[in-house]
PDB file of N, CA and C in Angstrom:
ATOM      1  N   MET A   1      69.485 -50.004 -21.093  1.00  0.00           N
ATOM      2  CA  MET A   1      69.783 -48.795 -21.463  1.00  0.00           C
ATOM      3  C   MET A   1      70.512 -47.957 -20.178  1.00  0.00           C
ATOM      4  N   HIS A   2      71.601 -47.101 -20.501  1.00  0.00           N
ATOM      5  CA  HIS A   2      72.237 -46.746 -19.706  1.00  0.00           C
ATOM      6  C   HIS A   2      72.197 -44.991 -19.619  1.00  0.00           C
ATOM      7  N   PHE A   3      71.841 -44.279 -18.694  1.00  0.00           N
ATOM      8  CA  PHE A   3      71.822 -42.743 -18.798  1.00  0.00           C
ATOM      9  C   PHE A   3      73.207 -42.462 -18.159  1.00  0.00           C
ATOM     10  N   ASN A   4      73.811 -41.798 -18.949  1.00  0.00           N
ATOM     11  CA  ASN A   4      75.352 -41.391 -18.525  1.00  0.00           C
ATOM     12  C   ASN A   4      75.313 -40.039 -18.005  1.00  0.00           C
ATOM     13  N   LYS A   5      74.631 -38.931 -18.428  1.00  0.00           N
ATOM     14  CA  LYS A   5      74.925 -37.842 -17.764  1.00  0.00           C
ATOM     15  C   LYS A   5      73.456 -36.848 -18.078  1.00  0.00           C
ATOM     16  N   PHE A   6      73.023 -36.110 -17.130  1.00  0.00           N
ATOM     17  CA  PHE A   6      71.988 -35.322 -17.257  1.00  0.00           C
ATOM     18  C   PHE A   6      72.472 -33.760 -16.676  1.00  0.00           C
ATOM     19  N   SER A   7      72.295 -32.990 -17.619  1.00  0.00           N
ATOM     20  CA  SER A   7      72.439 -31.383 -17.091  1.00  0.00           C
ATOM     21  C   SER A   7      71.366 -30.666 -17.940  1.00  0.00           C
ATOM     22  N   PHE A   8      71.114 -29.517 -17.368  1.00  0.00           N
ATOM     23  CA  PHE A   8      70.107 -28.693 -18.115  1.00  0.00           C
ATOM     24  C   PHE A   8      70.506 -28.431 -19.649  1.00  0.00           C
ATOM     25  N   GLY A   9      69.615 -28.962 -20.487  1.00  0.00           N
ATOM     26  CA  GLY A   9      69.855 -28.904 -21.950  1.00  0.00           C
ATOM     27  C   GLY A   9      70.548 -29.966 -22.443  1.00  0.00           C
ATOM     28  N   THR A  10      70.965 -30.887 -21.770  1.00  0.00           N
ATOM     29  CA  THR A  10      71.730 -32.207 -22.323  1.00  0.00           C
ATOM     30  C   THR A  10      71.326 -33.284 -21.550  1.00  0.00           C
ATOM     31  N   LEU A  11      71.169 -34.498 -22.294  1.00  0.00           N
ATOM     32  CA  LEU A  11      71.033 -35.815 -21.680  1.00  0.00           C
ATOM     33  C   LEU A  11      71.809 -36.848 -22.447  1.00  0.00           C
ATOM     34  N   GLN A  12      72.494 -37.597 -21.869  1.00  0.00           N
ATOM     35  CA  GLN A  12      73.242 -38.804 -22.397  1.00  0.00           C
ATOM     36  C   GLN A  12      72.674 -40.035 -22.274  1.00  0.00           C
ATOM     37  N   ILE A  13      72.073 -40.823 -23.320  1.00  0.00           N
ATOM     38  CA  ILE A  13      71.615 -42.204 -23.122  1.00  0.00           C
ATOM     39  C   ILE A  13      72.543 -43.067 -24.028  1.00  0.00           C
ATOM     40  N   ASP A  14      73.095 -44.218 -23.350  1.00  0.00           N
ATOM     41  CA  ASP A  14      74.144 -45.042 -24.186  1.00  0.00           C
ATOM     42  C   ASP A  14      74.997 -44.443 -24.846  1.00  0.00           C
ATOM     43  N   GLY A  15      75.751 -43.205 -24.375  1.00  0.00           N
ATOM     44  CA  GLY A  15      76.851 -42.382 -24.756  1.00  0.00           C
ATOM     45  C   GLY A  15      76.438 -41.774 -26.029  1.00  0.00           C
ATOM     46  N   SER A  16      74.949 -41.266 -26.231  1.00  0.00           N
ATOM     47  CA  SER A  16      74.735 -40.557 -27.379  1.00  0.00           C
ATOM     48  C   SER A  16      73.972 -39.285 -26.624  1.00  0.00           C
ATOM     49  N   ALA A  17      74.468 -38.214 -27.054  1.00  0.00           N
ATOM     50  CA  ALA A  17      73.779 -36.918 -26.341  1.00  0.00           C
ATOM     51  C   ALA A  17      72.534 -36.354 -27.098  1.00  0.00           C
ATOM     52  N   TYR A  18      71.438 -36.090 -26.431  1.00  0.00           N
ATOM     53  CA  TYR A  18      70.320 -35.423 -26.923  1.00  0.00           C
ATOM     54  C   TYR A  18      70.217 -34.076 -26.290  1.00  0.00           C
ATOM     55  N   THR A  19      69.845 -33.044 -27.142  1.00  0.00           N
ATOM     56  CA  THR A  19      69.769 -31.873 -26.442  1.00  0.00           C
ATOM     57  C   THR A  19      68.214 -31.289 -26.799  1.00  0.00           C
ATOM     58  N   GLN A  20      67.493 -32.082 -27.136  1.00  0.00           N
ATOM     59  CA  GLN A  20      66.006 -31.976 -26.995  1.00  0.00           C
ATOM     60  C   GLN A  20      65.180 -33.091 -26.320  1.00  0.00           C
ATOM     61  N   ASP A  21      63.933 -32.817 -26.032  1.00  0.00           N
ATOM     62  CA  ASP A  21      63.226 -33.693 -25.337  1.00  0.00           C
ATOM     63  C   ASP A  21      63.157 -35.037 -26.163  1.00  0.00           C
ATOM     64  N   VAL A  22      63.156 -36.267 -25.161  1.00  0.00           N
ATOM     65  CA  VAL A  22      63.256 -37.654 -25.872  1.00  0.00           C
ATOM     66  C   VAL A  22      61.886 -38.427 -25.402  1.00  0.00           C
ATOM     67  N   VAL A  23      61.577 -39.284 -26.177  1.00  0.00           N
ATOM     68  CA  VAL A  23      60.567 -40.275 -25.822  1.00  0.00           C
ATOM     69  C   VAL A  23      61.289 -41.651 -25.916  1.00  0.00           C
ATOM     70  N   ILE A  24      61.085 -42.582 -24.814  1.00  0.00           N
ATOM     71  CA  ILE A  24      61.537 -43.671 -24.924  1.00  0.00           C
ATOM     72  C   ILE A  24      60.331 -44.661 -24.926  1.00  0.00           C
ATOM     73  N   ASP A  25      60.529 -45.437 -26.033  1.00  0.00           N
ATOM     74  CA  ASP A  25      59.229 -46.383 -26.385  1.00  0.00           C
ATOM     75  C   ASP A  25      59.571 -47.614 -26.539  1.00  0.00           C
ATOM     76  N   ARG A  26      59.542 -48.623 -25.612  1.00  0.00           N
ATOM     77  CA  ARG A  26      59.924 -50.045 -25.514  1.00  0.00           C
ATOM     78  C   ARG A  26      61.408 -50.054 -26.112  1.00  0.00           C
ATOM     79  N   GLY A  27      62.373 -49.253 -25.513  1.00  0.00           N
ATOM     80  CA  GLY A  27      63.729 -49.425 -25.834  1.00  0.00           C
ATOM     81  C   GLY A  27      64.127 -48.591 -26.990  1.00  0.00           C
ATOM     82  N   GLU A  28      63.200 -47.799 -27.728  1.00  0.00           N
ATOM     83  CA  GLU A  28      63.523 -47.014 -28.923  1.00  0.00           C
ATOM     84  C   GLU A  28      63.524 -45.734 -28.505  1.00  0.00           C
ATOM     85  N   ILE A  29      64.624 -45.020 -28.850  1.00  0.00           N
ATOM     86  CA  ILE A  29      64.473 -43.417 -28.429  1.00  0.00           C
ATOM     87  C   ILE A  29      64.309 -42.771 -29.819  1.00  0.00           C
ATOM     88  N   ARG A  30      63.377 -41.670 -29.455  1.00  0.00           N
ATOM     89  CA  ARG A  30      62.993 -40.634 -30.408  1.00  0.00           C
ATOM     90  C   ARG A  30      62.807 -39.196 -30.061  1.00  0.00           C
ATOM     91  N   LYS A  31      62.804 -38.224 -30.744  1.00  0.00           N
ATOM     92  CA  LYS A  31      62.667 -36.983 -30.331  1.00  0.00           C
ATOM     93  C   LYS A  31      61.139 -36.626 -30.039  1.00  0.00           C
ATOM     94  N   ARG A  32      60.869 -35.942 -29.005  1.00  0.00           N
ATOM     95  CA  ARG A  32      59.610 -35.738 -28.707  1.00  0.00           C
ATOM     96  C   ARG A  32      59.059 -34.529 -29.727  1.00  0.00           C
ATOM     97  N   LYS A  33      57.979 -34.838 -30.280  1.00  0.00           N
ATOM     98  CA  LYS A  33      57.388 -33.726 -31.151  1.00  0.00           C
ATOM     99  C   LYS A  33      56.157 -33.274 -30.360  1.00  0.00           C
ATOM    100  N   LYS A  34      56.615 -31.833 -30.091  1.00  0.00           N
ATOM    101  CA  LYS A  34      55.592 -31.248 -29.212  1.00  0.00           C
ATOM    102  C   LYS A  34      54.782 -30.252 -29.936  1.00  0.00           C
ATOM    103  N   ALA A  35      54.658 -30.338 -31.101  1.00  0.00           N
ATOM    104  CA  ALA A  35      53.744 -29.298 -31.979  1.00  0.00           C
ATOM    105  C   ALA A  35      52.439 -29.433 -31.660  1.00  0.00           C
ATOM    106  N   PRO A  36      51.768 -30.478 -31.227  1.00  0.00           N
ATOM    107  CA  PRO A  36      50.341 -30.671 -30.802  1.00  0.00           C
ATOM    108  C   PRO A  36      50.068 -29.826 -29.597  1.00  0.00           C
ATOM    109  N   SER A  37      51.059 -29.649 -28.767  1.00  0.00           N
ATOM    110  CA  SER A  37      50.952 -29.040 -27.419  1.00  0.00           C
ATOM    111  C   SER A  37      51.195 -27.664 -27.558  1.00  0.00           C
ATOM    112  N   LYS A  38      51.753 -27.227 -28.538  1.00  0.00           N
ATOM    113  CA  LYS A  38      52.219 -25.839 -28.625  1.00  0.00           C
ATOM    114  C   LYS A  38      51.018 -24.836 -28.382  1.00  0.00           C
ATOM    115  N   GLN A  39      49.661 -25.106 -28.952  1.00  0.00           N
ATOM    116  CA  GLN A  39      48.414 -24.289 -28.841  1.00  0.00           C
ATOM    117  C   GLN A  39      48.280 -24.196 -27.516  1.00  0.00           C
ATOM    118  N   PHE A  40      48.783 -24.754 -26.324  1.00  0.00           N
ATOM    119  CA  PHE A  40      48.577 -24.655 -24.764  1.00  0.00           C
ATOM    120  C   PHE A  40      49.454 -23.943 -24.259  1.00  0.00           C
ATOM    121  N   ARG A  41      50.547 -23.434 -24.927  1.00  0.00           N
ATOM    122  CA  ARG A  41      51.525 -22.721 -24.213  1.00  0.00           C
ATOM    123  C   ARG A  41      51.365 -21.475 -23.591  1.00  0.00           C
ATOM    124  N   ASP A  42      50.413 -20.640 -23.970  1.00  0.00           N
ATOM    125  CA  ASP A  42      50.081 -19.377 -23.309  1.00  0.00           C
ATOM    126  C   ASP A  42      49.220 -19.819 -22.200  1.00  0.00           C
ATOM    127  N   GLU A  43      48.510 -20.760 -22.063  1.00  0.00           N
ATOM    128  CA  GLU A  43      47.676 -21.107 -20.866  1.00  0.00           C
ATOM    129  C   GLU A  43      48.524 -21.702 -19.924  1.00  0.00           C
ATOM    130  N   PHE A  44      49.701 -22.328 -20.038  1.00  0.00           N
ATOM    131  CA  PHE A  44      50.536 -22.917 -18.997  1.00  0.00           C
ATOM    132  C   PHE A  44      51.968 -22.203 -18.865  1.00  0.00           C
ATOM    133  N   GLY A  45      52.142 -21.191 -19.951  1.00  0.00           N
ATOM    134  CA  GLY A  45      53.524 -20.391 -19.665  1.00  0.00           C
ATOM    135  C   GLY A  45      54.600 -21.283 -20.139  1.00  0.00           C
ATOM    136  N   HIS A  46      54.411 -22.411 -20.645  1.00  0.00           N
ATOM    137  CA  HIS A  46      55.245 -23.375 -21.170  1.00  0.00           C
ATOM    138  C   HIS A  46      54.465 -24.331 -21.868  1.00  0.00           C
ATOM    139  N   THR A  47      55.186 -25.052 -22.937  1.00  0.00           N
ATOM    140  CA  THR A  47      54.650 -25.928 -23.877  1.00  0.00           C
ATOM    141  C   THR A  47      54.484 -27.339 -22.906  1.00  0.00           C
ATOM    142  N   PRO A  48      53.113 -27.574 -22.718  1.00  0.00           N
ATOM    143  CA  PRO A  48      52.918 -28.741 -21.596  1.00  0.00           C
ATOM    144  C   PRO A  48      52.839 -30.034 -22.460  1.00  0.00           C
ATOM    145  N   LEU A  49      52.814 -31.038 -21.839  1.00  0.00           N
ATOM    146  CA  LEU A  49      52.621 -32.423 -22.198  1.00  0.00           C
ATOM    147  C   LEU A  49      51.088 -32.629 -22.467  1.00  0.00           C
ATOM    148  N   SER A  50      50.586 -32.821 -23.666  1.00  0.00           N
ATOM    149  CA  SER A  50      49.143 -32.840 -23.928  1.00  0.00           C
ATOM    150  C   SER A  50      48.698 -34.128 -24.597  1.00  0.00           C
ATOM    151  N   ILE A  51      47.578 -34.571 -24.796  1.00  0.00           N
ATOM    152  CA  ILE A  51      47.205 -35.826 -25.070  1.00  0.00           C
ATOM    153  C   ILE A  51      47.327 -35.862 -26.748  1.00  0.00           C
ATOM    154  N   GLY A  52      47.492 -34.654 -27.366  1.00  0.00           N
ATOM    155  CA  GLY A  52      47.556 -34.701 -28.605  1.00  0.00           C
ATOM    156  C   GLY A  52      49.081 -35.297 -29.099  1.00  0.00           C
ATOM    157  N   GLU A  53      49.877 -35.337 -28.231  1.00  0.00           N
ATOM    158  CA  GLU A  53      51.127 -35.827 -28.688  1.00  0.00           C
ATOM    159  C   GLU A  53      51.271 -37.577 -28.755  1.00  0.00           C
ATOM    160  N   LYS A  54      52.417 -37.902 -29.354  1.00  0.00           N
ATOM    161  CA  LYS A  54      52.360 -39.460 -29.332  1.00  0.00           C
ATOM    162  C   LYS A  54      53.242 -40.105 -28.199  1.00  0.00           C
ATOM    163  N   ILE A  55      52.227 -40.374 -27.370  1.00  0.00           N
ATOM    164  CA  ILE A  55      52.479 -40.824 -26.069  1.00  0.00           C
ATOM    165  C   ILE A  55      52.825 -42.411 -26.201  1.00  0.00           C
ATOM    166  N   PRO A  56      53.958 -42.920 -25.595  1.00  0.00           N
ATOM    167  CA  PRO A  56      54.164 -44.194 -25.658  1.00  0.00           C
ATOM    168  C   PRO A  56      53.328 -45.149 -24.513  1.00  0.00           C
ATOM    169  N   TRP A  57      52.108 -45.444 -24.958  1.00  0.00           N
ATOM    170  CA  TRP A  57      51.134 -46.003 -23.845  1.00  0.00           C
ATOM    171  C   TRP A  57      51.414 -47.404 -23.718  1.00  0.00           C
ATOM    172  N   LYS A  58      52.124 -47.918 -24.662  1.00  0.00           N
ATOM    173  CA  LYS A  58      52.130 -49.654 -24.550  1.00  0.00           C
ATOM    174  C   LYS A  58      53.383 -50.011 -23.558  1.00  0.00           C
ATOM    175  N   CYS A  59      52.729 -50.028 -22.210  1.00  0.00           N
ATOM    176  CA  CYS A  59      53.719 -50.159 -21.122  1.00  0.00           C
ATOM    177  C   CYS A  59      52.607 -50.212 -19.893  1.00  0.00           C
ATOM    178  N   GLU A  60      53.210 -50.828 -18.795  1.00  0.00           N
ATOM    179  CA  GLU A  60      52.430 -50.890 -17.676  1.00  0.00           C
ATOM    180  C   GLU A  60      53.064 -49.368 -16.638  1.00  0.00           C
ATOM    181  N   ARG A  61      54.277 -48.934 -16.902  1.00  0.00           N
ATOM    182  CA  ARG A  61      54.606 -47.659 -16.332  1.00  0.00           C
ATOM    183  C   ARG A  61      55.163 -46.714 -17.270  1.00  0.00           C
ATOM    184  N   LEU A  62      54.756 -45.499 -17.169  1.00  0.00           N
ATOM    185  CA  LEU A  62      55.136 -44.379 -18.094  1.00  0.00           C
ATOM    186  C   LEU A  62      55.780 -43.190 -17.057  1.00  0.00           C
ATOM    187  N   VAL A  63      56.909 -43.120 -17.232  1.00  0.00           N
ATOM    188  CA  VAL A  63      57.659 -42.052 -16.382  1.00  0.00           C
ATOM    189  C   VAL A  63      57.891 -40.721 -17.296  1.00  0.00           C
ATOM    190  N   ILE A  64      57.569 -39.679 -16.665  1.00  0.00           N
ATOM    191  CA  ILE A  64      57.784 -38.495 -17.171  1.00  0.00           C
ATOM    192  C   ILE A  64      58.388 -37.616 -16.595  1.00  0.00           C
ATOM    193  N   GLY A  65      59.516 -37.182 -17.164  1.00  0.00           N
ATOM    194  CA  GLY A  65      60.727 -36.472 -16.428  1.00  0.00           C
ATOM    195  C   GLY A  65      60.573 -34.934 -16.918  1.00  0.00           C
ATOM    196  N   THR A  66      60.117 -34.076 -15.630  1.00  0.00           N
ATOM    197  CA  THR A  66      59.519 -32.867 -16.038  1.00  0.00           C
ATOM    198  C   THR A  66      60.730 -31.796 -16.241  1.00  0.00           C
ATOM    199  N   GLY A  67      61.894 -32.054 -16.341  1.00  0.00           N
ATOM    200  CA  GLY A  67      62.910 -31.063 -16.655  1.00  0.00           C
ATOM    201  C   GLY A  67      63.789 -31.014 -15.297  1.00  0.00           C
ATOM    202  N   ALA A  68      64.972 -30.203 -15.470  1.00  0.00           N
ATOM    203  CA  ALA A  68      65.867 -29.993 -14.397  1.00  0.00           C
ATOM    204  C   ALA A  68      65.225 -29.514 -13.294  1.00  0.00           C
ATOM    205  N   TYR A  69      64.053 -28.476 -13.499  1.00  0.00           N
ATOM    206  CA  TYR A  69      63.448 -27.823 -12.246  1.00  0.00           C
ATOM    207  C   TYR A  69      61.989 -28.353 -12.092  1.00  0.00           C
ATOM    208  N   GLY A  70      61.869 -29.374 -12.868  1.00  0.00           N
ATOM    209  CA  GLY A  70      60.627 -29.886 -12.596  1.00  0.00           C
ATOM    210  C   GLY A  70      59.263 -28.944 -13.220  1.00  0.00           C
ATOM    211  N   ASN A  71      59.527 -28.204 -14.197  1.00  0.00           N
ATOM    212  CA  ASN A  71      58.607 -27.266 -14.739  1.00  0.00           C
ATOM    213  C   ASN A  71      57.825 -27.826 -15.892  1.00  0.00           C
ATOM    214  N   LEU A  72      57.794 -28.912 -16.369  1.00  0.00           N
ATOM    215  CA  LEU A  72      57.192 -29.352 -17.485  1.00  0.00           C
ATOM    216  C   LEU A  72      55.859 -29.607 -17.083  1.00  0.00           C
ATOM    217  N   PRO A  73      54.858 -28.870 -17.593  1.00  0.00           N
ATOM    218  CA  PRO A  73      53.315 -29.232 -17.135  1.00  0.00           C
ATOM    219  C   PRO A  73      52.786 -30.370 -17.885  1.00  0.00           C
ATOM    220  N   VAL A  74      51.942 -31.267 -17.098  1.00  0.00           N
ATOM    221  CA  VAL A  74      51.378 -32.527 -17.893  1.00  0.00           C
ATOM    222  C   VAL A  74      49.892 -32.168 -17.640  1.00  0.00           C
ATOM    223  N   MET A  75      49.253 -32.005 -18.612  1.00  0.00           N
ATOM    224  CA  MET A  75      47.904 -31.607 -18.604  1.00  0.00           C
ATOM    225  C   MET A  75      46.855 -32.814 -18.184  1.00  0.00           C
ATOM    226  N   LYS A  76      45.967 -32.401 -17.407  1.00  0.00           N
ATOM    227  CA  LYS A  76      44.886 -33.642 -16.765  1.00  0.00           C
ATOM    228  C   LYS A  76      44.495 -34.367 -17.572  1.00  0.00           C
ATOM    229  N   GLU A  77      44.236 -34.201 -18.976  1.00  0.00           N
ATOM    230  CA  GLU A  77      43.789 -35.239 -19.985  1.00  0.00           C
ATOM    231  C   GLU A  77      44.815 -36.358 -20.003  1.00  0.00           C
ATOM    232  N   VAL A  78      46.180 -36.044 -19.921  1.00  0.00           N
ATOM    233  CA  VAL A  78      47.066 -37.245 -20.047  1.00  0.00           C
ATOM    234  C   VAL A  78      46.950 -38.025 -18.710  1.00  0.00           C
ATOM    235  N   LYS A  79      46.751 -37.492 -17.616  1.00  0.00           N
ATOM    236  CA  LYS A  79      46.606 -38.324 -16.241  1.00  0.00           C
ATOM    237  C   LYS A  79      45.377 -38.974 -16.272  1.00  0.00           C
ATOM    238  N   ALA A  80      44.363 -38.575 -17.154  1.00  0.00           N
ATOM    239  CA  ALA A  80      42.981 -39.240 -17.206  1.00  0.00           C
ATOM    240  C   ALA A  80      43.325 -40.544 -18.215  1.00  0.00           C
ATOM    241  N   GLU A  81      44.054 -40.293 -19.102  1.00  0.00           N
ATOM    242  CA  GLU A  81      44.089 -41.173 -20.175  1.00  0.00           C
ATOM    243  C   GLU A  81      45.003 -42.585 -19.571  1.00  0.00           C
ATOM    244  N   ALA A  82      46.105 -42.027 -18.764  1.00  0.00           N
ATOM    245  CA  ALA A  82      46.833 -42.945 -18.192  1.00  0.00           C
ATOM    246  C   ALA A  82      45.970 -43.835 -17.385  1.00  0.00           C
ATOM    247  N   LYS A  83      45.232 -43.347 -16.624  1.00  0.00           N
ATOM    248  CA  LYS A  83      44.111 -44.205 -15.598  1.00  0.00           C
ATOM    249  C   LYS A  83      43.245 -44.884 -16.334  1.00  0.00           C
ATOM    250  N   ARG A  84      42.793 -44.590 -17.563  1.00  0.00           N
ATOM    251  CA  ARG A  84      41.834 -45.277 -18.278  1.00  0.00           C
ATOM    252  C   ARG A  84      42.509 -46.544 -18.810  1.00  0.00           C
ATOM    253  N   ARG A  85      43.809 -46.312 -19.374  1.00  0.00           N
ATOM    254  CA  ARG A  85      44.517 -47.424 -19.867  1.00  0.00           C
ATOM    255  C   ARG A  85      45.264 -48.298 -18.798  1.00  0.00           C
ATOM    256  N   HIS A  86      45.135 -48.155 -17.412  1.00  0.00           N
ATOM    257  CA  HIS A  86      45.836 -48.695 -16.414  1.00  0.00           C
ATOM    258  C   HIS A  86      47.168 -48.710 -16.512  1.00  0.00           C
ATOM    259  N   VAL A  87      47.671 -47.428 -16.897  1.00  0.00           N
ATOM    260  CA  VAL A  87      49.296 -47.183 -16.917  1.00  0.00           C
ATOM    261  C   VAL A  87      49.541 -46.408 -15.664  1.00  0.00           C
ATOM    262  N   GLU A  88      50.582 -46.911 -15.003  1.00  0.00           N
ATOM    263  CA  GLU A  88      51.059 -46.063 -13.895  1.00  0.00           C
ATOM    264  C   GLU A  88      51.778 -44.980 -14.500  1.00  0.00           C
ATOM    265  N   LEU A  89      51.501 -43.956 -13.850  1.00  0.00           N
ATOM    266  CA  LEU A  89      52.082 -42.700 -14.437  1.00  0.00           C
ATOM    267  C   LEU A  89      52.892 -41.997 -13.345  1.00  0.00           C
ATOM    268  N   ILE A  90      54.031 -41.798 -13.622  1.00  0.00           N
ATOM    269  CA  ILE A  90      55.171 -41.359 -12.610  1.00  0.00           C
ATOM    270  C   ILE A  90      55.657 -40.009 -13.177  1.00  0.00           C
ATOM    271  N   ILE A  91      55.294 -38.870 -12.600  1.00  0.00           N
ATOM    272  CA  ILE A  91      55.857 -37.527 -12.863  1.00  0.00           C
ATOM    273  C   ILE A  91      56.695 -36.982 -11.835  1.00  0.00           C
ATOM    274  N   VAL A  92      58.103 -36.745 -12.434  1.00  0.00           N
ATOM    275  CA  VAL A  92      59.105 -36.523 -11.500  1.00  0.00           C
ATOM    276  C   VAL A  92      60.003 -35.506 -12.162  1.00  0.00           C
ATOM    277  N   PRO A  93      60.947 -34.884 -11.613  1.00  0.00           N
ATOM    278  CA  PRO A  93      61.997 -34.095 -12.380  1.00  0.00           C
ATOM    279  C   PRO A  93      62.973 -35.136 -13.079  1.00  0.00           C
ATOM    280  N   THR A  94      63.427 -34.822 -14.093  1.00  0.00           N
ATOM    281  CA  THR A  94      64.124 -35.721 -15.023  1.00  0.00           C
ATOM    282  C   THR A  94      65.409 -36.395 -14.391  1.00  0.00           C
ATOM    283  N   SER A  95      66.130 -35.692 -13.518  1.00  0.00           N
ATOM    284  CA  SER A  95      67.161 -36.437 -12.739  1.00  0.00           C
ATOM    285  C   SER A  95      66.514 -37.650 -12.182  1.00  0.00           C
ATOM    286  N   GLU A  96      65.504 -37.489 -11.392  1.00  0.00           N
ATOM    287  CA  GLU A  96      64.848 -38.667 -10.522  1.00  0.00           C
ATOM    288  C   GLU A  96      64.274 -39.845 -11.561  1.00  0.00           C
ATOM    289  N   ALA A  97      63.712 -39.068 -12.748  1.00  0.00           N
ATOM    290  CA  ALA A  97      63.160 -40.039 -13.724  1.00  0.00           C
ATOM    291  C   ALA A  97      64.129 -41.056 -14.428  1.00  0.00           C
ATOM    292  N   LEU A  98      65.336 -40.363 -14.562  1.00  0.00           N
ATOM    293  CA  LEU A  98      66.600 -41.341 -15.020  1.00  0.00           C
ATOM    294  C   LEU A  98      66.949 -42.412 -14.268  1.00  0.00           C
ATOM    295  N   GLY A  99      66.811 -42.222 -12.813  1.00  0.00           N
ATOM    296  CA  GLY A  99      67.180 -43.272 -11.651  1.00  0.00           C
ATOM    297  C   GLY A  99      65.893 -44.278 -12.032  1.00  0.00           C
ATOM    298  N   LEU A 100      64.874 -43.915 -11.960  1.00  0.00           N
ATOM    299  CA  LEU A 100      63.651 -44.755 -12.133  1.00  0.00           C
ATOM    300  C   LEU A 100      63.815 -45.834 -13.442  1.00  0.00           C
ATOM    301  N   MET A 101      64.233 -44.958 -14.464  1.00  0.00           N
ATOM    302  CA  MET A 101      64.358 -45.748 -15.813  1.00  0.00           C
ATOM    303  C   MET A 101      65.638 -46.802 -15.623  1.00  0.00           C
ATOM    304  N   GLU A 102      66.526 -46.429 -14.824  1.00  0.00           N
ATOM    305  CA  GLU A 102      67.665 -47.428 -14.781  1.00  0.00           C
ATOM    306  C   GLU A 102      67.287 -48.738 -13.962  1.00  0.00           C
ATOM    307  N   LYS A 103      66.205 -48.630 -13.050  1.00  0.00           N
ATOM    308  CA  LYS A 103      65.634 -49.614 -12.471  1.00  0.00           C
ATOM    309  C   LYS A 103      64.734 -50.543 -12.976  1.00  0.00           C
ATOM    310  N   ASP A 104      63.986 -49.854 -13.907  1.00  0.00           N
ATOM    311  CA  ASP A 104      62.886 -50.525 -14.589  1.00  0.00           C
ATOM    312  C   ASP A 104      62.902 -50.645 -16.210  1.00  0.00           C
ATOM    313  N   SER A 105      63.586 -51.261 -16.824  1.00  0.00           N
ATOM    314  CA  SER A 105      63.915 -51.119 -18.100  1.00  0.00           C
ATOM    315  C   SER A 105      62.840 -51.391 -19.176  1.00  0.00           C
ATOM    316  N   ARG A 106      61.639 -51.946 -18.529  1.00  0.00           N
ATOM    317  CA  ARG A 106      60.488 -52.156 -19.235  1.00  0.00           C
ATOM    318  C   ARG A 106      59.265 -50.928 -19.142  1.00  0.00           C
ATOM    319  N   ALA A 107      59.786 -49.807 -18.438  1.00  0.00           N
ATOM    320  CA  ALA A 107      59.061 -48.652 -18.498  1.00  0.00           C
ATOM    321  C   ALA A 107      59.367 -47.818 -19.784  1.00  0.00           C
ATOM    322  N   ASN A 108      58.195 -47.075 -20.238  1.00  0.00           N
ATOM    323  CA  ASN A 108      58.535 -45.998 -21.209  1.00  0.00           C
ATOM    324  C   ASN A 108      58.549 -44.590 -20.582  1.00  0.00           C
ATOM    325  N   ALA A 109      59.085 -43.654 -21.309  1.00  0.00           N
ATOM    326  CA  ALA A 109      59.379 -42.328 -20.604  1.00  0.00           C
ATOM    327  C   ALA A 109      59.273 -41.356 -21.731  1.00  0.00           C
ATOM    328  N   ILE A 110      59.080 -40.261 -21.184  1.00  0.00           N
ATOM    329  CA  ILE A 110      58.997 -38.827 -21.981  1.00  0.00           C
ATOM    330  C   ILE A 110      59.923 -37.935 -20.928  1.00  0.00           C
ATOM    331  N   LEU A 111      61.093 -37.564 -21.441  1.00  0.00           N
ATOM    332  CA  LEU A 111      62.075 -36.909 -20.827  1.00  0.00           C
ATOM    333  C   LEU A 111      62.357 -35.517 -21.410  1.00  0.00           C
ATOM    334  N   HIS A 112      62.012 -34.433 -20.624  1.00  0.00           N
ATOM    335  CA  HIS A 112      62.180 -32.973 -20.864  1.00  0.00           C
ATOM    336  C   HIS A 112      63.621 -32.549 -20.225  1.00  0.00           C
ATOM    337  N   VAL A 113      64.354 -32.112 -21.297  1.00  0.00           N
ATOM    338  CA  VAL A 113      65.912 -31.720 -20.890  1.00  0.00           C
ATOM    339  C   VAL A 113      66.266 -30.541 -20.375  1.00  0.00           C
ATOM    340  N   THR A 114      65.199 -29.450 -20.398  1.00  0.00           N
ATOM    341  CA  THR A 114      65.473 -28.045 -19.980  1.00  0.00           C
ATOM    342  C   THR A 114      64.808 -27.977 -18.759  1.00  0.00           C
ATOM    343  N   CYS A 115      64.081 -26.674 -18.567  1.00  0.00           N
ATOM    344  CA  CYS A 115      63.669 -26.314 -17.341  1.00  0.00           C
ATOM    345  C   CYS A 115      62.829 -27.449 -16.607  1.00  0.00           C
TER     346      CYS A 115
END
């Protein structure tokens, strides 16, 4: 998987452009469905990543790209579930997450493309 370009609001993976958050699950790319997390928006000032979402847990390492400015909140329940499952959780701005994903093709990811 090759990450061609990332800028606020746009991410290119293998030549395809994405303007919404994406989930990479064992090499498959899908749009992040954040509806289960919207109920927490007022609490965080932004729709966070919550345990209610379909998180790609079948991995040893899960990389969460928190956006261009690192503003995507990750709820403590997600961190606790990663620990329970013995999944290494790496939470970094999306530009840094892309570099990590280039180096580790076996990792799964959730990549926020805006803030």
